[in-house]
């Protein structure tokens, strides 16, 4: 830093001349006499007369003392240098302030919107979550969110109004909610079933994903524990995961959905999740396996408006109304080829896992892999797909929106609907896996199916 002493240590030439100039005679006094010239004495040197300063062409005095002149010049240069340093530091600080301000503005704008480049209809501002002190120890990391024993409490907006029960559907704010009634006994039965099936798939990595429904993330606890009862899906899934053998890897999608429960992750008129909700579940799977997840911002979003889902049939004639939905899906930045096997045994091949002919109405959810078919095989040319990796997804209709995303990481994705597979393909699932070089198997089931014995029997029927 430049000191004040350095800036003030300057020899002003005008002041210096005044200080060194001879005194002027007082006004009114006699002028001093000049001494008459003295004759030279023999052997002595004549007296030398002091020369006047040479002002030169510029009129500036030329000092006999060269060191004083150099000192003044050095001081002038030092002052200029110090001024340059101060100006440079000031300019640097100004640039730094501008950069920091722009970064702060950019951070605020990105934090208030989506993390992916998708429409504002599918991504809204993310809400927070509340956690108990014990839960808080696991927050903040992907490992904590993926823990099969840690489940967040989603924040649900509540306007303190009541809804109306219509058969098994509770309608609140023009949205339908499917009530859940599972318990620990059902969770144990599900875990035992998956363990038995996994034991019949030696050499294959087995995953299990239980998918909660909209009631868990959209209906306030005040209503779920009031006149209508819907038990905790988090407790049910946690109990099922705790009963899985070590050779089965649980995939906790609950926390990823809880983090985004203010976004459009479930339909209002239908019992399924949206393509965005399925994407977050896929991302939980990718993070569980440390895979590179597909980015929606790299895809092309498509939208179909006017979806009137399955709940409309439940409330028909009741006088209740539900909001109409929009179905969003994303076309990938790489090529795919999908072969369908219908219940008749006939096959057809398409260049996309999405049905481009899907339109508004009650069947719009069929845009995902053309709906429910016994067997669907999707081959991928994604650069992220690991060579030789092949996945089988054992699913019901919740898996339709989920399956396409896995083409980002697997060369082949085989989608098996356990309700129709055995009767159409005519093979057991273990033999099918061996014949097709399957490396991974994922059981992906909605929480209602996981707690329904008829569905579990259908899954067991494939082995």
Protein backbone atom coordinates (compact mmCIF):
# COMPACT_ATOMS: atom_id res chain seq x y z
CA UNK A 1 0.00 0.00 0.00
CA UNK A 2 1.23 3.49 -0.81
CA UNK A 3 1.91 5.56 2.37
CA UNK A 4 0.83 9.13 2.83
CA UNK A 5 4.45 10.04 3.54
CA UNK A 6 5.46 8.90 0.05
CA UNK A 7 2.70 10.92 -1.65
CA UNK A 8 3.49 14.10 0.37
CA UNK A 9 7.31 13.91 0.09
CA UNK A 10 7.54 16.23 -2.90
CA UNK A 11 10.09 19.11 -3.43
CA UNK A 12 8.18 22.02 -4.91
CA UNK A 13 10.70 23.95 -7.13
CA UNK A 14 8.94 27.31 -6.73
CA UNK A 15 9.06 27.18 -2.94
CA UNK A 16 12.64 26.02 -3.13
CA UNK A 17 13.64 29.05 -5.23
CA UNK A 18 11.95 31.36 -2.81
CA UNK A 19 13.72 29.81 0.17
CA UNK A 20 17.15 30.05 -1.54
CA UNK A 21 16.70 33.55 -3.06
CA UNK A 22 18.56 36.49 -1.39
CA UNK A 23 16.60 38.94 0.73
CA UNK A 24 15.25 42.02 -1.08
CA UNK A 25 16.06 45.46 0.28
CA UNK A 26 13.41 47.27 2.30
CA UNK A 27 11.49 49.99 0.48
CA UNK A 28 12.93 53.45 1.26
CA UNK A 29 16.36 52.27 2.31
CA UNK A 30 19.54 53.22 0.54
CA UNK A 31 20.74 50.96 -2.21
CA UNK A 32 23.82 49.08 -1.28
CA UNK A 33 27.02 50.42 -2.69
CA UNK A 34 29.11 48.42 -5.01
CA UNK A 35 32.71 48.02 -3.97
CA UNK A 36 35.08 49.54 -6.49
CA UNK A 37 37.23 47.14 -8.37
CA UNK A 38 40.43 46.41 -6.64
CA UNK A 39 43.67 46.24 -8.55
CA UNK A 40 45.32 42.94 -8.91
CA UNK A 41 48.03 42.31 -6.49
CA UNK A 42 51.20 40.78 -7.60
CA UNK A 43 51.14 37.05 -7.20
CA UNK A 44 47.44 36.82 -6.35
CA UNK A 45 44.57 35.34 -8.39
CA UNK A 46 41.81 37.59 -9.63
CA UNK A 47 38.48 37.21 -7.74
CA UNK A 48 36.03 34.94 -9.65
CA UNK A 49 32.48 36.28 -10.30
CA UNK A 50 29.58 33.85 -9.55
CA UNK A 51 27.77 32.97 -12.83
CA UNK A 52 24.05 33.56 -13.14
CA UNK A 53 21.76 30.58 -13.49
CA UNK A 54 21.22 29.49 -17.06
CA UNK A 55 17.48 29.40 -17.64
CA UNK A 56 17.84 27.85 -21.04
CA UNK A 57 15.25 28.05 -23.84
CA UNK A 58 12.39 26.84 -21.57
CA UNK A 59 12.91 29.48 -19.00
CA UNK A 60 13.35 26.93 -16.26
CA UNK A 61 16.35 27.34 -14.00
CA UNK A 62 19.14 24.88 -14.47
CA UNK A 63 20.45 23.95 -11.03
CA UNK A 64 24.06 23.41 -10.34
CA UNK A 65 23.11 20.72 -7.81
CA UNK A 66 22.48 17.67 -10.05
CA UNK A 67 21.58 15.42 -7.11
CA UNK A 68 18.72 17.72 -6.10
CA UNK A 69 17.42 17.67 -9.67
CA UNK A 70 17.55 13.89 -9.79
CA UNK A 71 15.84 13.64 -6.41
CA UNK A 72 12.97 15.85 -7.60
CA UNK A 73 12.58 13.81 -10.79
CA UNK A 74 12.55 10.53 -8.79
CA UNK A 75 9.92 11.94 -6.46
CA UNK A 76 7.77 12.98 -9.41
CA UNK A 77 8.01 9.52 -10.96
CA UNK A 78 7.22 7.89 -7.61
CA UNK A 79 4.13 10.02 -7.26
CA UNK A 80 2.96 9.05 -10.76
CA UNK A 81 3.68 5.37 -10.02
CA UNK A 82 1.73 5.54 -6.77
CA UNK A 83 -1.22 7.13 -8.52
CA UNK A 84 -1.11 4.41 -11.18
CA UNK A 85 -1.07 1.72 -8.49
CA UNK A 86 -4.04 3.27 -6.71
CA UNK A 87 -6.01 3.54 -9.97
CA UNK A 88 -5.14 -0.07 -10.87
CA UNK A 89 -6.25 -1.37 -7.49
CA UNK A 90 -9.47 0.64 -7.72
CA UNK A 91 -10.22 -0.73 -11.20
CA UNK A 92 -9.55 -4.31 -10.07
CA UNK A 93 -11.86 -3.91 -7.09
CA UNK A 94 -14.59 -2.48 -9.31
CA UNK A 95 -14.30 -5.43 -11.73
CA UNK A 96 -14.41 -7.88 -8.82
CA UNK A 97 -17.56 -6.27 -7.43
CA UNK A 98 -19.26 -6.42 -10.84
CA UNK A 99 -18.36 -10.12 -11.28
CA UNK A 100 -19.59 -11.04 -7.79
CA UNK A 101 -22.83 -9.14 -8.32
CA UNK A 102 -23.50 -10.87 -11.66
CA UNK A 103 -22.83 -14.29 -10.12
CA UNK A 104 -25.20 -13.51 -7.28
CA UNK A 105 -27.94 -12.49 -9.73
CA UNK A 106 -27.36 -15.65 -11.80
CA UNK A 107 -27.46 -17.87 -8.71
CA UNK A 108 -30.73 -16.34 -7.54
CA UNK A 109 -32.37 -16.77 -10.92
CA UNK A 110 -31.27 -20.42 -11.29
CA UNK A 111 -32.26 -21.31 -7.76
CA UNK A 112 -35.83 -20.07 -8.19
CA UNK A 113 -36.52 -22.16 -11.27
CA UNK A 114 -35.92 -25.68 -12.47
CA UNK A 115 -32.77 -27.70 -12.49
CA UNK A 116 -33.64 -29.06 -15.90
CA UNK A 117 -34.66 -27.24 -19.08
CA UNK A 118 -38.27 -28.39 -19.24
CA UNK A 119 -41.57 -26.57 -19.42
CA UNK A 120 -42.89 -24.58 -16.49
CA UNK A 121 -45.90 -26.86 -16.49
CA UNK A 122 -43.80 -29.84 -15.49
CA UNK A 123 -41.28 -28.10 -13.23
CA UNK A 124 -42.39 -25.70 -10.53
CA UNK A 125 -40.51 -24.28 -7.57
CA UNK A 126 -39.37 -27.07 -5.31
CA UNK A 127 -40.71 -27.09 -1.76
CA UNK A 128 -38.77 -27.95 1.35
CA UNK A 129 -39.03 -30.95 3.61
CA UNK A 130 -39.24 -31.32 7.33
CA UNK A 131 -37.22 -33.90 9.21
CA UNK A 132 -36.94 -35.14 12.75
CA UNK A 133 -33.58 -34.69 14.55
CA UNK A 134 -32.74 -38.33 13.84
CA UNK A 135 -33.58 -37.92 10.17
CA UNK A 136 -31.59 -34.72 9.89
CA UNK A 137 -28.35 -36.67 10.39
CA UNK A 138 -28.93 -38.39 7.05
CA UNK A 139 -29.89 -35.34 5.01
CA UNK A 140 -27.80 -33.50 2.49
CA UNK A 141 -26.26 -36.45 0.65
CA UNK A 142 -27.44 -38.80 -2.07
CA UNK A 143 -26.38 -41.70 0.13
CA UNK A 144 -28.73 -40.49 2.87
CA UNK A 145 -31.64 -40.05 0.46
CA UNK A 146 -31.09 -43.53 -0.95
CA UNK A 147 -30.98 -45.22 2.45
CA UNK A 148 -33.70 -47.91 2.74
CA UNK A 149 -34.30 -46.88 6.36
CA UNK A 150 -34.53 -43.08 5.96
CA UNK A 151 -37.77 -41.59 4.61
CA UNK A 152 -38.44 -37.86 4.46
CA UNK A 153 -41.69 -36.23 5.49
CA UNK A 154 -43.02 -34.39 2.43
CA UNK A 155 -44.38 -30.87 2.86
CA UNK A 156 -47.98 -30.79 1.58
CA UNK A 157 -49.91 -27.57 1.10
CA UNK A 158 -53.20 -27.57 2.98
CA UNK A 159 -55.96 -25.00 2.51
CA UNK A 160 -57.96 -26.58 5.37
CA UNK A 161 -60.84 -27.57 3.09
CA UNK A 162 -62.38 -31.04 3.05
CA UNK A 163 -62.95 -33.43 0.20
CA UNK A 164 -65.41 -36.21 -0.52
CA UNK A 165 -65.04 -39.98 -0.65
CA UNK A 166 -66.37 -41.64 -3.77
CA UNK A 167 -65.99 -45.40 -3.53
CA UNK A 168 -62.24 -45.94 -2.98
CA UNK A 169 -61.25 -42.55 -4.36
CA UNK A 170 -61.02 -39.42 -2.23
CA UNK A 171 -61.58 -36.24 -4.23
CA UNK A 172 -59.99 -33.07 -2.87
CA UNK A 173 -59.47 -29.84 -4.81
CA UNK A 174 -60.51 -31.53 -8.06
CA UNK A 175 -57.80 -34.19 -7.64
CA UNK A 176 -58.35 -37.90 -7.07
CA UNK A 177 -56.42 -39.86 -4.43
CA UNK A 178 -56.25 -43.64 -4.14
CA UNK A 179 -56.35 -44.60 -0.46
CA UNK A 180 -53.83 -47.11 0.92
CA UNK A 181 -54.41 -49.76 3.57
CA UNK A 182 -51.21 -51.80 3.80
CA UNK A 183 -49.59 -53.12 6.97
CA UNK A 184 -46.43 -54.91 8.14
CA UNK A 185 -47.89 -58.33 7.33
CA UNK A 186 -48.37 -57.40 3.68
CA UNK A 187 -44.88 -55.88 3.57
CA UNK A 188 -43.36 -59.12 4.88
CA UNK A 189 -45.25 -61.16 2.30
CA UNK A 190 -43.94 -58.95 -0.49
CA UNK A 191 -40.34 -59.16 0.76
CA UNK A 192 -40.55 -62.96 1.04
CA UNK A 193 -41.87 -63.17 -2.52
CA UNK A 194 -39.05 -61.06 -3.97
CA UNK A 195 -36.43 -63.01 -1.98
CA UNK A 196 -37.74 -66.31 -3.36
CA UNK A 197 -37.68 -65.06 -6.92
CA UNK A 198 -34.22 -63.47 -6.58
CA UNK A 199 -32.83 -66.81 -5.43
CA UNK A 200 -33.89 -68.26 -8.78
CA UNK A 201 -31.80 -65.69 -10.68
CA UNK A 202 -28.23 -66.71 -9.86
CA UNK A 203 -25.50 -64.52 -11.32
CA UNK A 204 -27.94 -61.68 -11.99
CA UNK A 205 -28.03 -58.48 -9.96
CA UNK A 206 -31.54 -57.97 -8.56
CA UNK A 207 -33.12 -54.64 -7.56
CA UNK A 208 -36.45 -53.83 -5.97
CA UNK A 209 -38.37 -50.55 -6.32
CA UNK A 210 -41.70 -49.92 -4.58
CA UNK A 211 -43.42 -46.84 -5.96
CA UNK A 212 -45.67 -44.74 -3.67
CA UNK A 213 -48.83 -43.18 -5.08
CA UNK A 214 -50.10 -39.60 -5.11
CA UNK A 215 -51.91 -39.87 -1.77
CA UNK A 216 -48.58 -39.98 0.06
CA UNK A 217 -47.39 -36.69 -1.44
CA UNK A 218 -50.59 -34.77 -2.20
CA UNK A 219 -53.15 -35.44 0.55
CA UNK A 220 -52.53 -33.71 3.92
CA UNK A 221 -52.15 -35.89 7.01
CA UNK A 222 -55.19 -34.14 8.48
CA UNK A 223 -57.34 -35.82 5.85
CA UNK A 224 -55.52 -39.16 5.72
CA UNK A 225 -56.03 -39.73 9.43
CA UNK A 226 -59.53 -38.22 9.69
CA UNK A 227 -62.82 -39.63 8.45
CA UNK A 228 -60.99 -41.48 5.67
CA UNK A 229 -57.98 -43.59 6.56
CA UNK A 230 -54.91 -44.01 4.38
CA UNK A 231 -52.01 -45.62 6.22
CA UNK A 232 -48.37 -44.61 5.83
CA UNK A 233 -46.82 -45.84 2.61
CA UNK A 234 -43.40 -44.83 3.91
CA UNK A 235 -43.74 -47.25 6.84
CA UNK A 236 -44.96 -50.00 4.52
CA UNK A 237 -42.07 -49.58 2.06
CA UNK A 238 -39.53 -49.34 4.88
CA UNK A 239 -40.84 -52.61 6.38
CA UNK A 240 -40.64 -54.35 3.00
CA UNK A 241 -37.08 -53.16 2.33
CA UNK A 242 -35.97 -54.29 5.79
CA UNK A 243 -37.13 -57.82 4.93
CA UNK A 244 -35.15 -58.15 1.69
CA UNK A 245 -32.17 -60.48 1.52
CA UNK A 246 -28.67 -59.08 0.98
CA UNK A 247 -28.66 -60.19 -2.65
CA UNK A 248 -31.54 -57.79 -3.41
CA UNK A 249 -30.73 -54.07 -3.63
CA UNK A 250 -33.60 -51.78 -2.60
CA UNK A 251 -34.04 -48.54 -4.58
CA UNK A 252 -35.53 -45.81 -2.40
CA UNK A 253 -37.44 -43.51 -4.77
CA UNK A 254 -39.56 -42.07 -1.97
CA UNK A 255 -37.15 -39.32 -0.96
CA UNK A 256 -36.53 -38.20 -4.55
CA UNK A 257 -40.29 -37.84 -5.04
CA UNK A 258 -40.69 -36.09 -1.67
CA UNK A 259 -38.11 -33.52 -2.73
CA UNK A 260 -40.24 -32.69 -5.79
CA UNK A 261 -43.76 -33.13 -4.41
CA UNK A 262 -44.73 -29.59 -5.45
CA UNK A 263 -43.97 -30.42 -9.07
CA UNK A 264 -46.19 -32.18 -11.56
CA UNK A 265 -45.12 -35.72 -10.66
CA UNK A 266 -48.60 -37.32 -10.39
CA UNK A 267 -51.74 -36.93 -12.45
CA UNK A 268 -54.87 -35.41 -10.95
CA UNK A 269 -57.38 -37.55 -12.81
CA UNK A 270 -55.42 -40.81 -12.94
CA UNK A 271 -53.74 -43.23 -10.50
CA UNK A 272 -50.35 -43.17 -12.30
CA UNK A 273 -47.37 -40.89 -11.94
CA UNK A 274 -46.33 -38.54 -14.74
CA UNK A 275 -43.31 -38.91 -16.98
CA UNK A 276 -41.51 -36.44 -14.71
CA UNK A 277 -42.27 -38.46 -11.57
CA UNK A 278 -40.96 -41.57 -13.31
CA UNK A 279 -37.82 -39.67 -14.28
CA UNK A 280 -37.00 -38.87 -10.64
CA UNK A 281 -37.37 -42.56 -9.79
CA UNK A 282 -35.04 -43.47 -12.66
CA UNK A 283 -32.55 -40.94 -11.34
CA UNK A 284 -32.68 -42.61 -7.91
CA UNK A 285 -31.79 -45.91 -9.60
CA UNK A 286 -28.93 -44.28 -11.53
CA UNK A 287 -27.57 -42.68 -8.36
CA UNK A 288 -27.86 -45.98 -6.49
CA UNK A 289 -25.56 -47.53 -9.10
CA UNK A 290 -23.41 -44.43 -9.67
CA UNK A 291 -24.51 -44.35 -13.31
CA UNK A 292 -24.57 -41.22 -15.45
CA UNK A 293 -28.25 -40.18 -15.49
CA UNK A 294 -30.04 -38.96 -18.56
CA UNK A 295 -30.57 -35.16 -18.56
CA UNK A 296 -33.99 -33.96 -19.61
CA UNK A 297 -32.41 -30.76 -20.93
CA UNK A 298 -30.70 -32.90 -23.58
CA UNK A 299 -34.05 -34.29 -24.76
CA UNK A 300 -36.98 -32.88 -26.74
CA UNK A 301 -40.13 -32.44 -24.68
CA UNK A 302 -43.52 -33.39 -26.12
CA UNK A 303 -46.91 -32.64 -24.60
CA UNK A 304 -50.40 -34.08 -25.09
CA UNK A 305 -53.22 -32.12 -23.44
CA UNK A 306 -56.70 -33.32 -22.54
CA UNK A 307 -55.90 -36.51 -20.59
CA UNK A 308 -58.95 -37.71 -18.63
CA UNK A 309 -57.60 -40.51 -16.45
CA UNK A 310 -58.92 -43.61 -14.71
CA UNK A 311 -60.49 -41.78 -11.74
CA UNK A 312 -63.14 -40.28 -13.98
CA UNK A 313 -64.77 -43.68 -14.24
CA UNK A 314 -64.89 -43.96 -10.43
CA UNK A 315 -66.66 -40.64 -9.90
CA UNK A 316 -69.04 -40.85 -12.85
CA UNK A 317 -72.52 -39.79 -11.78
CA UNK A 318 -71.37 -38.45 -8.41
CA UNK A 319 -71.44 -34.81 -9.38
CA UNK A 320 -67.73 -34.47 -8.58
CA UNK A 321 -65.24 -33.14 -11.12
CA UNK A 322 -61.52 -33.63 -11.66
CA UNK A 323 -59.00 -31.42 -13.40
CA UNK A 324 -57.90 -32.55 -16.85
CA UNK A 325 -54.24 -33.55 -17.16
CA UNK A 326 -51.43 -33.11 -19.66
CA UNK A 327 -49.02 -35.91 -20.52
CA UNK A 328 -45.38 -34.92 -21.00
CA UNK A 329 -42.68 -37.17 -22.43
CA UNK A 330 -39.14 -36.66 -23.72
CA UNK A 331 -37.63 -37.89 -26.97
CA UNK A 332 -34.01 -38.91 -26.50
CA UNK A 333 -30.89 -37.51 -28.23
CA UNK A 334 -29.94 -41.02 -29.39
CA UNK A 335 -31.59 -43.69 -31.51
CA UNK A 336 -33.69 -46.54 -30.13
CA UNK A 337 -35.57 -49.51 -31.56
CA UNK A 338 -38.54 -51.05 -29.75
CA UNK A 339 -40.09 -54.45 -30.48
CA UNK A 340 -43.50 -55.24 -28.95
CA UNK A 341 -44.95 -58.68 -28.35
CA UNK A 342 -48.73 -58.49 -28.11
CA UNK A 343 -50.99 -60.89 -26.22
CA UNK A 344 -51.72 -62.59 -29.54
CA UNK A 345 -48.03 -63.43 -29.92
CA UNK A 346 -47.61 -61.05 -32.88
CA UNK A 347 -44.66 -58.65 -32.86
CA UNK A 348 -44.04 -55.19 -34.29
CA UNK A 349 -40.96 -52.96 -34.31
CA UNK A 350 -40.89 -49.16 -33.89
CA UNK A 351 -38.14 -46.54 -33.77
CA UNK A 352 -39.31 -44.96 -30.50
CA UNK A 353 -40.55 -46.12 -27.09
CA UNK A 354 -43.35 -43.54 -27.36
CA UNK A 355 -46.59 -43.88 -29.29
CA UNK A 356 -46.71 -40.80 -31.50
CA UNK A 357 -50.38 -41.41 -32.30
CA UNK A 358 -51.51 -40.94 -28.70
CA UNK A 359 -54.13 -38.21 -28.34
CA UNK A 360 -56.38 -36.61 -25.75
CA UNK A 361 -58.90 -38.75 -23.92
CA UNK A 362 -58.84 -41.58 -21.42
CA UNK A 363 -55.99 -43.56 -23.04
CA UNK A 364 -53.30 -40.87 -23.27
CA UNK A 365 -51.08 -42.66 -20.74
CA UNK A 366 -50.62 -45.26 -23.49
CA UNK A 367 -48.03 -42.97 -25.07
CA UNK A 368 -45.48 -44.71 -22.82
CA UNK A 369 -44.25 -47.94 -24.57
CA UNK A 370 -47.68 -48.32 -26.24
CA UNK A 371 -49.36 -49.36 -22.97
CA UNK A 372 -49.36 -52.78 -21.28
CA UNK A 373 -47.96 -55.61 -23.38
CA UNK A 374 -46.52 -58.99 -22.30
CA UNK A 375 -43.01 -58.18 -23.53
CA UNK A 376 -41.31 -55.03 -24.79
CA UNK A 377 -37.65 -54.95 -25.87
CA UNK A 378 -35.93 -51.59 -26.41
CA UNK A 379 -32.46 -51.48 -27.95
CA UNK A 380 -30.39 -48.35 -27.47
CA UNK A 381 -27.52 -46.55 -29.19
CA UNK A 382 -26.81 -44.24 -26.26
CA UNK A 383 -23.13 -43.45 -25.71
CA UNK A 384 -23.69 -43.93 -21.96
CA UNK A 385 -24.99 -47.48 -22.40
CA UNK A 386 -22.46 -49.92 -21.03
CA UNK A 387 -21.62 -52.61 -23.55
CA UNK A 388 -23.19 -55.95 -22.71
CA UNK A 389 -25.48 -54.53 -19.97
CA UNK A 390 -29.06 -55.79 -20.33
CA UNK A 391 -31.91 -55.05 -17.94
CA UNK A 392 -35.26 -56.75 -17.34
CA UNK A 393 -37.95 -54.64 -15.66
CA UNK A 394 -40.72 -56.71 -14.06
CA UNK A 395 -43.65 -54.29 -13.83
CA UNK A 396 -47.30 -53.39 -14.04
CA UNK A 397 -48.50 -50.13 -15.61
CA UNK A 398 -46.41 -47.91 -13.30
CA UNK A 399 -43.35 -49.23 -15.12
CA UNK A 400 -44.52 -47.97 -18.53
CA UNK A 401 -43.46 -44.37 -17.93
CA UNK A 402 -40.28 -45.51 -16.16
CA UNK A 403 -38.78 -48.02 -18.61
CA UNK A 404 -37.69 -45.75 -21.50
CA UNK A 405 -35.20 -43.76 -19.38
CA UNK A 406 -33.04 -46.83 -18.74
CA UNK A 407 -32.02 -46.89 -22.41
CA UNK A 408 -29.53 -44.20 -21.46
CA UNK A 409 -27.50 -46.74 -19.46
CA UNK A 410 -28.34 -50.18 -20.88
CA UNK A 411 -27.86 -51.56 -24.38
CA UNK A 412 -31.12 -53.46 -24.06
CA UNK A 413 -34.13 -52.92 -21.78
CA UNK A 414 -36.59 -55.84 -21.61
CA UNK A 415 -39.93 -54.83 -20.10
CA UNK A 416 -41.95 -57.74 -18.72
CA UNK A 417 -45.56 -57.28 -17.61
CA UNK A 418 -45.99 -60.07 -15.06
CA UNK A 419 -49.76 -60.22 -15.68
CA UNK A 420 -49.38 -61.40 -19.29
CA UNK A 421 -45.80 -62.65 -19.75
CA UNK A 422 -46.13 -66.35 -18.95
CA UNK A 423 -49.29 -66.91 -20.95
CA UNK A 424 -47.85 -65.25 -24.08
CA UNK A 425 -44.10 -65.91 -24.12
CA UNK A 426 -44.42 -69.44 -22.77
CA UNK A 427 -41.16 -69.30 -20.78
CA UNK A 428 -40.17 -68.82 -17.19
CA UNK A 429 -38.42 -65.58 -16.36
CA UNK A 430 -35.16 -67.33 -15.29
CA UNK A 431 -34.93 -69.19 -18.60
CA UNK A 432 -35.70 -66.02 -20.55
CA UNK A 433 -32.92 -64.19 -18.72
CA UNK A 434 -30.39 -66.91 -19.50
CA UNK A 435 -31.35 -67.05 -23.20
CA UNK A 436 -31.06 -63.28 -23.61
CA UNK A 437 -27.92 -62.64 -21.57
CA UNK A 438 -29.71 -60.50 -18.96
CA UNK A 439 -27.35 -58.95 -16.40
CA UNK A 440 -29.79 -57.03 -14.16
CA UNK A 441 -33.41 -57.48 -13.04
CA UNK A 442 -35.52 -54.71 -11.51
CA UNK A 443 -38.85 -55.39 -9.80
CA UNK A 444 -40.71 -52.08 -10.16
CA UNK A 445 -44.17 -52.14 -8.63
CA UNK A 446 -46.65 -49.59 -7.37
CA UNK A 447 -47.34 -49.73 -3.65
CA UNK A 448 -50.89 -50.99 -4.26
CA UNK A 449 -49.62 -53.98 -6.28
CA UNK A 450 -46.92 -54.71 -3.73
CA UNK A 451 -49.65 -55.12 -1.10
CA UNK A 452 -52.09 -57.15 -3.20
CA UNK A 453 -51.76 -60.91 -3.00
CA UNK A 454 -53.26 -61.46 -6.46
CA UNK A 455 -50.48 -59.37 -7.99
CA UNK A 456 -47.80 -61.19 -6.00
CA UNK A 457 -49.18 -64.51 -7.21
CA UNK A 458 -48.92 -63.27 -10.80
CA UNK A 459 -45.26 -62.36 -10.26
CA UNK A 460 -44.54 -65.77 -8.75
CA UNK A 461 -46.25 -67.42 -11.72
CA UNK A 462 -43.36 -66.40 -13.99
CA UNK A 463 -40.85 -68.59 -12.11
